[in-house]
Amino acid sequence: MKISRHGSKRLKERVGLPKRAHIRHINTVLQFGNTVTEKTVDGFKMIHNGFLYIFANSKNNEPILVTTYEEPKSCIKVANFRVNEGN
């Protein structure tokens, strides 16, 4: 697992993580995140803790973090949320 220079900058800027925590965080994303798109030869997208992570694949099929965005509203699934009305 690798992180591009741009991906590292965006993790620091948007997620607020120090540089020493980037690898650990991306391992957590890969392990527990929800896949938004199917994994292809080019790459894939994952959502974890309100952020969208975009990955590319290297020649040996190793994921490389390209960039990070805040989770778009179109990715939120309404079916995942339940309202407890108290009765």
Protein backbone atom coordinates (compact mmCIF):
# COMPACT_ATOMS: atom_id res chain seq x y z
CA MET A 1 0.00 0.00 0.00
CA LYS A 2 1.35 3.38 -1.04
CA ILE A 3 0.23 6.99 -0.75
CA SER A 4 0.92 9.51 -3.51
CA ARG A 5 2.32 12.92 -2.61
CA HIS A 6 -1.00 14.52 -3.53
CA GLY A 7 -2.89 11.94 -1.45
CA SER A 8 -0.70 12.65 1.56
CA LYS A 9 -1.36 16.38 1.27
CA ARG A 10 -5.10 15.82 1.05
CA LEU A 11 -5.13 13.48 4.07
CA LYS A 12 -3.43 16.17 6.10
CA GLU A 13 -5.61 18.99 4.74
CA ARG A 14 -9.05 17.35 4.67
CA VAL A 15 -8.91 14.57 7.25
CA GLY A 16 -6.51 16.36 9.60
CA LEU A 17 -4.09 13.50 10.18
CA PRO A 18 -0.38 13.95 10.89
CA LYS A 19 1.97 12.40 8.35
CA ARG A 20 3.04 9.59 10.67
CA ALA A 21 -0.56 8.30 10.90
CA HIS A 22 -1.29 8.14 7.15
CA ILE A 23 -0.26 4.51 6.51
CA ARG A 24 -2.12 3.27 9.59
CA HIS A 25 -5.26 5.18 8.61
CA ILE A 26 -5.26 3.93 5.01
CA ASN A 27 -4.83 0.34 6.23
CA THR A 28 -7.94 0.89 8.38
CA VAL A 29 -9.82 2.34 5.39
CA LEU A 30 -8.90 -0.66 3.24
CA GLN A 31 -9.94 -3.08 5.99
CA PHE A 32 -13.18 -1.48 7.23
CA GLY A 33 -14.26 0.96 4.50
CA ASN A 34 -17.23 0.46 2.19
CA THR A 35 -16.41 0.03 -1.50
CA VAL A 36 -18.32 2.51 -3.68
CA THR A 37 -17.17 1.21 -7.05
CA GLU A 38 -16.05 -2.22 -8.12
CA LYS A 39 -12.33 -2.86 -8.04
CA THR A 40 -10.96 -2.63 -11.57
CA VAL A 41 -7.51 -2.62 -13.13
CA ASP A 42 -7.51 1.19 -12.95
CA GLY A 43 -8.59 1.55 -9.33
CA PHE A 44 -11.52 1.88 -6.94
CA LYS A 45 -13.27 4.23 -4.50
CA MET A 46 -14.04 3.64 -0.83
CA ILE A 47 -15.97 5.50 1.86
CA HIS A 48 -14.92 5.50 5.51
CA ASN A 49 -15.92 7.88 8.35
CA GLY A 50 -17.47 10.47 6.07
CA PHE A 51 -14.65 10.68 3.51
CA LEU A 52 -14.32 9.33 -0.01
CA TYR A 53 -10.91 7.77 -0.78
CA ILE A 54 -9.85 7.28 -4.40
CA PHE A 55 -7.27 4.58 -5.09
CA ALA A 56 -5.34 3.59 -8.20
CA ASN A 57 -3.70 0.21 -8.72
CA SER A 58 0.02 -0.17 -9.40
CA LYS A 59 1.42 -2.73 -11.82
CA ASN A 60 1.55 -5.40 -9.10
CA ASN A 61 -2.10 -4.64 -8.14
CA GLU A 62 -1.09 -2.75 -4.97
CA PRO A 63 -3.48 0.11 -4.02
CA ILE A 64 -2.13 3.67 -4.16
CA LEU A 65 -4.11 6.47 -2.49
CA VAL A 66 -4.62 9.23 -5.06
CA THR A 67 -6.83 11.72 -3.20
CA THR A 68 -9.46 12.20 -0.50
CA TYR A 69 -12.74 14.14 -0.55
CA GLU A 70 -15.53 14.75 1.92
CA GLU A 71 -18.30 12.23 1.35
CA PRO A 72 -20.68 13.47 -1.36
CA LYS A 73 -24.35 13.59 -0.36
CA SER A 74 -25.22 11.31 -3.28
CA CYS A 75 -23.26 8.46 -1.67
CA ILE A 76 -25.25 8.48 1.57
CA LYS A 77 -27.69 5.58 1.60
CA VAL A 78 -30.95 6.48 3.32
CA ALA A 79 -31.69 2.82 4.00
CA ASN A 80 -28.74 2.61 6.41
CA PHE A 81 -30.34 5.09 8.85
CA ARG A 82 -33.18 4.25 11.21
CA VAL A 83 -35.18 6.73 13.22
CA ASN A 84 -36.10 5.63 16.73
CA GLU A 85 -39.40 7.31 17.55
CA GLY A 86 -39.38 6.24 21.19
CA ASN A 87 -42.50 4.02 21.23
